[in-house]
Structures are given as C-alpha cells and as structure tokens.
C-alpha cells in the first residue's frame, strides 16, 4: 500500500535524479527540499480540504457541494493546483459515494487516487524519458497520454485492492464513482469511473457557447456494459416502481441494485461484471474552449448539458458559478422530482481563461 509519506519520498528521489543531471549537487539538494516541503504541505491540506490552492497558479476554479436528503453528504471534491509540484499541472476530481459505508469509501478514494497516480505517473515517466528525447513533438503528446492512461489504470486497480483489504472500511456493499481530470499545459486527460460527467463549453462559429460531453455515463443498460455484466452472470433490469432506471444485480437478483456499471468498492459485484477500470481520454485545449464542468449525477439528473453551460456562462461572478449551478439543480429537482429524496450535488467549474478581477481565496474547505 502506498501512503503519502511514500509518495513524498518517491518525489524527492525522482527530482533528485533529475537535478543531479542538470545542476550542481548543492542547488539540487535545495530544490528537492523545497519540493518536498510543498508536497508535505499539500498532504496536510488534502486530509481536511477539498482544494489545494497555489498562490502562483493561473487557473480559475469554482467549487460547491450540497448535501441532499439522504443523510450524510457522500460527495467529495478535490482541486489540487501545481499537482506533483508542476507549475503547469492541475488535478480536479468529483467523487460520489454510495451505500452504508459510502462516506468512508469516498474519503479513502479521494485521498489515495492522487497519491497513487503521481507515483505511477512518475515511475512510468522515468522509464520512458529516454525514448521521449528522440520523439517528434506530436509523438511526445501521444506518448504522454499513453503514460497517463497506463498510470490511471494501474492506480485504479491499486485503489480498489486497497479498499478490499482495508480492515476499517466495509466496501462489500458500498462504493464510489470517480471523475478526475489532469490539466497539463494545454492538454486535458480525463478519467471516469461511474456516472459523474464532464462537460466542456466551447465557442461556436456564431459566437454562442456549445456543450461537448467529455465522458460517458456508465449505466448498466449501455450495450457494452450490459454485455460484460450478463456474461459475468450479473443481471441488469429495472424495478417495477422505477421504470427506465436500470440497475446491476447479483445472480440471485436481490442485491445490490447499483445504478452504475463501474465503481470503486462494491466488492460483492466484482465477480459479476462491475469493474473499476477507468475510461481515459484526452483533449487539447483550443482558444475556443472556455471552461469545463465536472459534476456528480445529482446535477445531471435534472440539468441538461446545454442548461449547465448557460447557467455557468451567465454567472457574473465566476467564483459563484458552481454554487449557482447547484442551486439551479436543487430548484429543478424540487420541480421535476417532487417526493423523491434529493441526491447530493457537487460541481467543479474550471475556467481556462482567468480574469484578474476574479480572485479565489487561498483555501476552501469542501468536506
């Protein structure tokens, strides 16, 4: 199991090797100490905060979460600027827990995913750095995505295994989704497990903002998902009182009734078609791309992609964009789903072109 101290030590070793190649030993030592100090600070922040904010970052982020009517808020958010001590890199993630232990599972996953991901990314990067020196720029970008993809796949497998072996968390009938993005310079890498959604807003030829859905909502009735589940002896069907809501069931058809086909945890279903394998994609940010919205399914159950883009773009104070989108979703839930317990709702809005008039506080608590 990889813990944050291990990640910090690994970061120190990686940077140390790099510095020894390019700098004098003393300068390298000082640089390593600074990076390690920053990493340890981020570790402390991550244990209690949803946002790790850099004072030097140029990105502009708005975040908000709202507890629904089902008890404790099982949603979690994470925004980490200068991810891995890289000035041009940012990690964003929304996590939607479920089940009796869902709030414990989601906290664990939110903590482990960025730590494991950094370790795996740096290991993969170190083993391929020599090859990158001889590649054309376009090939480097493709190869860079491959490194992230393999790092994500390895990370998600390790996190799910950690949950299975964790003696203090019962993930047999509890789990969480995970939607994360890495913004590295002008490139986005998106990894999705579950039914949270990422929607990008881009300016069209006529000047209007157009939504582009970057992720797939992994529902059990998707053909490729249903095929995998049924081939593994799992069942996919709707309850009589929930027409149109497909769920995953064990062969006996009694439990657990998950409305998603991919998740961390839920180990009762891992032999019957439920997987924690992420769908990893990438996109180059263009001058037309304005912002990306990450939100849990409670928002998308009542707000369309187009409506979400319109709400965010119409918000005069961008630091309130995520809150306004959640408030609109709450209003729509009450109108469209009256009598149904409201789901938790969480939103991250990442703006690609920040305005100097809009400044975020150094740290926001989103827990």
Protein backbone atom coordinates (compact mmCIF):
# COMPACT_ATOMS: atom_id res chain seq x y z
CA UNK A 1 0.00 0.00 0.00
CA UNK A 2 1.37 3.42 -0.99
CA UNK A 3 0.85 6.19 1.58
CA UNK A 4 1.52 9.91 1.26
CA UNK A 5 4.91 9.77 3.00
CA UNK A 6 5.96 7.16 0.46
CA UNK A 7 4.80 9.41 -2.36
CA UNK A 8 6.77 12.33 -0.93
CA UNK A 9 9.90 10.23 -0.63
CA UNK A 10 9.42 8.97 -4.18
CA UNK A 11 9.02 12.53 -5.39
CA UNK A 12 12.24 13.51 -3.66
CA UNK A 13 14.12 10.64 -5.28
CA UNK A 14 12.76 11.45 -8.75
CA UNK A 15 13.54 15.13 -8.57
CA UNK A 16 16.95 14.40 -7.05
CA UNK A 17 17.96 12.27 -10.02
CA UNK A 18 16.83 14.95 -12.43
CA UNK A 19 18.63 17.70 -10.57
CA UNK A 20 21.89 15.81 -10.42
CA UNK A 21 21.91 15.66 -14.19
CA UNK A 22 21.39 19.40 -14.69
CA UNK A 23 22.58 21.24 -11.58
CA UNK A 24 25.30 21.22 -9.03
CA UNK A 25 24.68 18.93 -6.08
CA UNK A 26 24.00 21.75 -3.59
CA UNK A 27 21.48 23.52 -5.82
CA UNK A 28 19.77 20.20 -6.46
CA UNK A 29 19.51 19.46 -2.75
CA UNK A 30 17.86 22.83 -2.06
CA UNK A 31 15.40 22.36 -4.90
CA UNK A 32 14.47 18.89 -3.65
CA UNK A 33 13.92 20.19 -0.12
CA UNK A 34 11.59 22.91 -1.42
CA UNK A 35 9.56 20.43 -3.47
CA UNK A 36 9.35 18.01 -0.56
CA UNK A 37 8.20 20.81 1.74
CA UNK A 38 5.48 21.75 -0.76
CA UNK A 39 4.38 18.13 -1.10
CA UNK A 40 4.13 17.69 2.68
CA UNK A 41 2.05 20.87 2.90
CA UNK A 42 -0.27 19.51 0.23
CA UNK A 43 -0.55 16.26 2.19
CA UNK A 44 -1.78 18.13 5.25
CA UNK A 45 -4.22 20.19 3.24
CA UNK A 46 -5.58 17.16 1.44
CA UNK A 47 -6.56 15.48 4.69
CA UNK A 48 -9.05 18.23 5.54
CA UNK A 49 -9.70 20.32 2.45
CA UNK A 50 -11.23 19.91 -0.96
CA UNK A 51 -8.93 22.49 -2.52
CA UNK A 52 -5.15 22.70 -2.58
CA UNK A 53 -4.61 26.19 -3.97
CA UNK A 54 -1.33 27.55 -5.26
CA UNK A 55 -0.55 31.24 -4.97
CA UNK A 56 1.17 31.15 -8.38
CA UNK A 57 -1.48 29.31 -10.42
CA UNK A 58 -3.16 30.99 -13.40
CA UNK A 59 -6.22 28.73 -13.50
CA UNK A 60 -9.56 29.87 -12.11
CA UNK A 61 -11.73 27.34 -10.29
CA UNK A 62 -15.17 27.47 -8.69
CA UNK A 63 -16.35 24.62 -6.44
CA UNK A 64 -19.52 23.86 -4.48
CA UNK A 65 -21.21 20.88 -2.84
CA UNK A 66 -24.65 20.45 -1.30
CA UNK A 67 -25.92 17.69 0.96
CA UNK A 68 -29.10 16.05 -0.30
CA UNK A 69 -31.92 14.47 1.67
CA UNK A 70 -30.41 11.00 2.19
CA UNK A 71 -28.32 11.71 5.28
CA UNK A 72 -24.59 12.47 5.32
CA UNK A 73 -23.14 14.06 2.18
CA UNK A 74 -21.31 11.26 0.37
CA UNK A 75 -19.94 13.53 -2.36
CA UNK A 76 -16.35 14.73 -2.23
CA UNK A 77 -14.38 17.24 -4.31
CA UNK A 78 -10.69 17.77 -4.90
CA UNK A 79 -8.82 20.54 -6.72
CA UNK A 80 -5.03 20.41 -6.49
CA UNK A 81 -3.08 23.12 -8.29
CA UNK A 82 0.61 22.63 -9.12
CA UNK A 83 -0.12 18.91 -8.91
CA UNK A 84 3.09 16.98 -8.36
CA UNK A 85 4.89 20.31 -7.83
CA UNK A 86 4.49 21.01 -11.56
CA UNK A 87 3.53 24.65 -12.16
CA UNK A 88 1.52 23.88 -15.31
CA UNK A 89 -0.39 20.90 -13.88
CA UNK A 90 -3.71 20.66 -12.04
CA UNK A 91 -5.77 17.76 -10.70
CA UNK A 92 -9.56 18.05 -10.34
CA UNK A 93 -11.94 15.34 -9.19
CA UNK A 94 -15.53 14.70 -8.10
CA UNK A 95 -16.38 11.53 -6.18
CA UNK A 96 -19.90 10.25 -5.44
CA UNK A 97 -20.11 7.65 -2.67
CA UNK A 98 -23.00 5.26 -2.06
CA UNK A 99 -24.02 2.56 0.38
CA UNK A 100 -23.90 2.38 4.19
CA UNK A 101 -20.12 2.92 4.22
CA UNK A 102 -20.08 5.22 1.20
CA UNK A 103 -18.83 8.30 3.05
CA UNK A 104 -15.81 6.34 4.32
CA UNK A 105 -15.11 4.79 0.92
CA UNK A 106 -15.29 8.13 -0.89
CA UNK A 107 -12.89 9.80 1.57
CA UNK A 108 -10.41 6.98 1.14
CA UNK A 109 -10.61 7.09 -2.65
CA UNK A 110 -10.26 10.86 -2.77
CA UNK A 111 -7.11 10.60 -0.68
CA UNK A 112 -5.48 7.68 -2.49
CA UNK A 113 -6.18 8.40 -6.16
CA UNK A 114 -3.94 11.49 -6.49
CA UNK A 115 -1.17 9.94 -4.38
CA UNK A 116 -1.13 6.63 -6.28
CA UNK A 117 -1.49 8.43 -9.60
CA UNK A 118 1.55 10.63 -9.01
CA UNK A 119 3.67 7.66 -8.00
CA UNK A 120 2.66 5.63 -11.05
CA UNK A 121 2.99 8.58 -13.43
CA UNK A 122 6.48 9.43 -12.22
CA UNK A 123 7.58 5.79 -12.40
CA UNK A 124 6.24 5.44 -15.95
CA UNK A 125 7.74 8.79 -16.94
CA UNK A 126 11.15 7.81 -15.60
CA UNK A 127 11.22 4.56 -17.57
CA UNK A 128 10.29 6.28 -20.85
CA UNK A 129 12.19 9.57 -20.52
CA UNK A 130 14.99 8.43 -22.82
CA UNK A 131 12.54 7.49 -25.57
CA UNK A 132 10.86 10.91 -25.35
CA UNK A 133 14.13 12.68 -26.14
CA UNK A 134 14.10 11.24 -29.66
CA UNK A 135 10.41 11.71 -30.48
CA UNK A 136 8.76 14.48 -32.50
CA UNK A 137 6.57 16.91 -30.56
CA UNK A 138 3.29 15.35 -31.78
CA UNK A 139 4.53 11.88 -30.87
CA UNK A 140 5.53 13.14 -27.43
CA UNK A 141 1.97 14.34 -26.79
CA UNK A 142 0.51 10.97 -27.78
CA UNK A 143 3.12 9.15 -25.75
CA UNK A 144 2.44 11.47 -22.82
CA UNK A 145 -1.23 10.49 -22.91
CA UNK A 146 -0.29 6.80 -23.01
CA UNK A 147 1.75 7.32 -19.85
CA UNK A 148 -1.21 8.95 -18.11
CA UNK A 149 -3.59 6.22 -19.30
CA UNK A 150 -1.42 3.39 -18.01
CA UNK A 151 -0.85 5.29 -14.77
CA UNK A 152 -4.60 5.70 -14.27
CA UNK A 153 -5.34 2.03 -14.98
CA UNK A 154 -2.68 0.90 -12.52
CA UNK A 155 -3.83 3.46 -9.95
CA UNK A 156 -7.49 2.46 -10.03
CA UNK A 157 -6.65 -1.23 -9.68
CA UNK A 158 -4.44 -0.49 -6.67
CA UNK A 159 -7.03 1.76 -5.00
CA UNK A 160 -9.77 -0.84 -5.41
CA UNK A 161 -7.49 -3.51 -3.97
CA UNK A 162 -6.70 -1.22 -1.03
CA UNK A 163 -10.43 -0.89 -0.29
CA UNK A 164 -10.92 -4.64 -0.47
CA UNK A 165 -8.14 -5.28 2.04
CA UNK A 166 -8.90 -2.34 4.35
CA UNK A 167 -9.94 -3.69 7.75
CA UNK A 168 -11.56 -0.43 8.86
CA UNK A 169 -13.83 0.13 5.84
CA UNK A 170 -16.56 -2.26 4.68
CA UNK A 171 -16.72 -1.84 0.91
CA UNK A 172 -18.65 -5.06 0.23
CA UNK A 173 -21.93 -3.18 -0.34
CA UNK A 174 -20.54 0.37 -0.55
CA UNK A 175 -18.51 2.22 -3.15
CA UNK A 176 -17.93 5.42 -5.05
CA UNK A 177 -17.63 6.86 -8.53
CA UNK A 178 -14.58 8.89 -9.55
CA UNK A 179 -14.32 11.51 -12.29
CA UNK A 180 -10.95 13.22 -12.49
CA UNK A 181 -9.08 15.41 -14.94
CA UNK A 182 -5.45 16.38 -15.26
CA UNK A 183 -4.82 19.74 -16.89
CA UNK A 184 -1.21 19.79 -18.05
CA UNK A 185 -0.43 22.91 -20.01
CA UNK A 186 -2.86 22.95 -22.93
CA UNK A 187 -3.87 19.29 -22.58
CA UNK A 188 -6.63 17.61 -20.61
CA UNK A 189 -6.58 13.97 -19.56
CA UNK A 190 -9.97 12.73 -18.36
CA UNK A 191 -10.53 9.52 -16.39
CA UNK A 192 -14.01 8.34 -15.47
CA UNK A 193 -15.46 5.55 -13.35
CA UNK A 194 -19.23 5.76 -12.85
CA UNK A 195 -21.87 8.29 -13.86
CA UNK A 196 -20.46 11.68 -12.89
CA UNK A 197 -20.00 13.80 -16.01
CA UNK A 198 -17.56 16.29 -17.54
CA UNK A 199 -18.92 18.85 -20.00
CA UNK A 200 -16.74 21.34 -21.86
CA UNK A 201 -18.04 24.68 -23.13
CA UNK A 202 -16.58 25.91 -26.42
CA UNK A 203 -17.36 28.94 -28.56
CA UNK A 204 -19.02 28.01 -31.85
CA UNK A 205 -18.72 29.83 -35.19
CA UNK A 206 -21.71 32.05 -34.40
CA UNK A 207 -20.23 33.09 -31.05
CA UNK A 208 -22.51 31.01 -28.85
CA UNK A 209 -21.27 28.50 -26.29
CA UNK A 210 -21.75 24.86 -27.22
CA UNK A 211 -21.54 21.94 -24.75
CA UNK A 212 -19.29 18.98 -25.51
CA UNK A 213 -19.70 15.96 -23.24
CA UNK A 214 -16.25 14.57 -22.49
CA UNK A 215 -17.31 11.45 -20.59
CA UNK A 216 -19.71 8.52 -20.81
CA UNK A 217 -22.30 7.96 -18.09
CA UNK A 218 -21.54 4.34 -17.26
CA UNK A 219 -25.04 2.98 -16.73
CA UNK A 220 -25.79 -0.77 -16.67
CA UNK A 221 -28.01 -0.63 -19.76
CA UNK A 222 -25.25 0.60 -22.09
CA UNK A 223 -24.80 -2.26 -24.58
CA UNK A 224 -21.11 -2.92 -23.89
CA UNK A 225 -21.63 -2.63 -20.13
CA UNK A 226 -24.71 -4.86 -20.09
CA UNK A 227 -22.91 -7.48 -22.19
CA UNK A 228 -19.99 -7.62 -19.79
CA UNK A 229 -22.28 -7.88 -16.77
CA UNK A 230 -24.52 -10.60 -18.18
CA UNK A 231 -21.52 -12.60 -19.40
CA UNK A 232 -20.26 -12.50 -15.81
CA UNK A 233 -23.63 -13.86 -14.56
CA UNK A 234 -24.76 -10.49 -13.21
CA UNK A 235 -28.25 -9.21 -14.00
CA UNK A 236 -29.46 -5.89 -15.40
CA UNK A 237 -33.10 -4.89 -15.00
CA UNK A 238 -35.46 -2.19 -13.71
CA UNK A 239 -37.71 -2.37 -10.67
CA UNK A 240 -41.44 -2.06 -11.29
CA UNK A 241 -41.58 1.18 -9.32
CA UNK A 242 -38.57 2.64 -11.20
CA UNK A 243 -39.29 2.26 -14.91
CA UNK A 244 -36.28 3.25 -17.01
CA UNK A 245 -33.79 3.06 -14.12
CA UNK A 246 -31.58 0.06 -14.90
CA UNK A 247 -29.61 -1.48 -12.06
CA UNK A 248 -26.95 -4.16 -11.61
CA UNK A 249 -27.87 -7.19 -9.53
CA UNK A 250 -26.18 -10.34 -8.32
CA UNK A 251 -27.28 -13.62 -9.98
CA UNK A 252 -29.98 -14.06 -7.33
CA UNK A 253 -31.49 -10.72 -8.40
CA UNK A 254 -31.78 -9.44 -4.82
CA UNK A 255 -28.77 -7.18 -4.20
CA UNK A 256 -27.23 -4.62 -4.52
CA UNK A 257 -29.21 -2.81 -7.25
CA UNK A 258 -26.48 -0.42 -8.39
CA UNK A 259 -27.46 2.20 -10.97
CA UNK A 260 -23.89 2.29 -12.32
CA UNK A 261 -21.74 -0.29 -14.09
CA UNK A 262 -18.32 0.92 -12.87
CA UNK A 263 -17.29 1.85 -9.34
CA UNK A 264 -14.63 1.59 -6.69
CA UNK A 265 -15.67 -0.79 -3.92
CA UNK A 266 -18.95 -2.76 -4.13
CA UNK A 267 -16.87 -5.91 -3.98
CA UNK A 268 -19.97 -8.10 -3.80
CA UNK A 269 -20.37 -7.37 -7.54
CA UNK A 270 -16.77 -7.54 -8.75
CA UNK A 271 -17.19 -11.18 -9.83
CA UNK A 272 -20.42 -10.35 -11.66
CA UNK A 273 -19.42 -7.64 -14.13
CA UNK A 274 -18.91 -4.49 -12.07
CA UNK A 275 -15.44 -3.07 -12.77
CA UNK A 276 -13.24 -0.23 -11.52
CA UNK A 277 -11.43 0.24 -14.84
CA UNK A 278 -11.39 3.91 -15.87
CA UNK A 279 -12.28 5.22 -19.30
CA UNK A 280 -9.32 7.50 -20.06
CA UNK A 281 -9.42 10.09 -22.86
CA UNK A 282 -7.57 13.28 -23.72
CA UNK A 283 -8.17 16.58 -25.46
CA UNK A 284 -6.07 19.54 -26.49
CA UNK A 285 -7.50 22.82 -25.22
CA UNK A 286 -8.17 25.24 -28.07
CA UNK A 287 -8.65 29.03 -27.92
CA UNK A 288 -12.39 28.38 -28.33
CA UNK A 289 -12.60 26.22 -25.21
CA UNK A 290 -13.81 28.34 -22.30
CA UNK A 291 -14.41 26.09 -19.30
CA UNK A 292 -15.17 22.54 -18.19
CA UNK A 293 -17.81 21.45 -15.69
CA UNK A 294 -17.37 18.37 -13.51
CA UNK A 295 -20.49 17.35 -11.61
CA UNK A 296 -21.99 14.36 -9.83
CA UNK A 297 -25.12 12.71 -11.21
CA UNK A 298 -27.48 14.56 -8.86
CA UNK A 299 -26.93 17.64 -11.04
CA UNK A 300 -27.22 15.87 -14.40
CA UNK A 301 -30.43 14.09 -13.35
CA UNK A 302 -32.27 17.41 -13.65
CA UNK A 303 -29.99 19.74 -15.68
CA UNK A 304 -29.02 19.22 -19.34
CA UNK A 305 -25.54 19.87 -20.70
CA UNK A 306 -26.78 22.95 -22.55
CA UNK A 307 -28.53 24.31 -19.47
CA UNK A 308 -25.42 23.80 -17.34
CA UNK A 309 -23.22 25.69 -19.80
CA UNK A 310 -25.77 28.50 -20.00
CA UNK A 311 -26.03 28.80 -16.21
CA UNK A 312 -22.27 28.88 -15.67
CA UNK A 313 -21.58 31.33 -18.50
CA UNK A 314 -24.34 33.67 -17.30
CA UNK A 315 -22.91 33.90 -13.78
CA UNK A 316 -21.40 37.37 -13.42
CA UNK A 317 -19.10 36.45 -10.53
CA UNK A 318 -17.30 33.32 -11.68
CA UNK A 319 -16.33 32.30 -8.16
CA UNK A 320 -20.08 31.68 -7.65
CA UNK A 321 -20.55 29.64 -10.85
CA UNK A 322 -20.50 26.21 -9.20
CA UNK A 323 -22.81 27.34 -6.42
CA UNK A 324 -25.28 28.83 -8.89
CA UNK A 325 -25.35 25.63 -10.94
CA UNK A 326 -26.06 23.57 -7.82
CA UNK A 327 -28.78 26.00 -6.69
CA UNK A 328 -30.45 25.76 -10.10
CA UNK A 329 -30.24 21.96 -9.94
CA UNK A 330 -31.88 21.98 -6.49
CA UNK A 331 -34.70 24.12 -7.86
CA UNK A 332 -35.18 21.78 -10.83
CA UNK A 333 -35.11 18.70 -8.61
CA UNK A 334 -37.95 20.09 -6.49
CA UNK A 335 -39.91 20.84 -9.66
CA UNK A 336 -39.22 17.62 -11.60
CA UNK A 337 -38.74 15.05 -8.81
CA UNK A 338 -41.12 16.17 -6.10
CA UNK A 339 -41.47 13.47 -3.47
CA UNK A 340 -38.13 11.83 -4.30
CA UNK A 341 -35.27 12.30 -1.82
CA UNK A 342 -32.81 14.78 -3.30
CA UNK A 343 -29.36 13.48 -4.17
CA UNK A 344 -26.09 15.09 -3.07
CA UNK A 345 -24.82 17.55 -5.67
CA UNK A 346 -21.24 18.67 -6.29
CA UNK A 347 -19.71 20.82 -9.02
CA UNK A 348 -16.26 21.97 -10.13
CA UNK A 349 -16.01 24.67 -12.80
CA UNK A 350 -12.53 25.05 -14.27
CA UNK A 351 -12.11 28.19 -16.39
CA UNK A 352 -9.29 28.16 -18.91
CA UNK A 353 -9.04 31.95 -19.26
CA UNK A 354 -8.93 33.51 -15.81
CA UNK A 355 -9.79 37.13 -15.18
CA UNK A 356 -7.56 39.21 -12.88
CA UNK A 357 -10.67 40.74 -11.32
CA UNK A 358 -11.77 37.34 -10.02
CA UNK A 359 -9.58 36.05 -7.21
CA UNK A 360 -10.17 32.89 -5.19
CA UNK A 361 -9.35 32.61 -1.51
CA UNK A 362 -6.21 30.65 -0.74
CA UNK A 363 -8.01 27.63 0.71
CA UNK A 364 -11.64 26.50 0.50
CA UNK A 365 -12.98 23.81 2.79
CA UNK A 366 -15.19 21.41 0.85
CA UNK A 367 -15.69 18.41 3.08
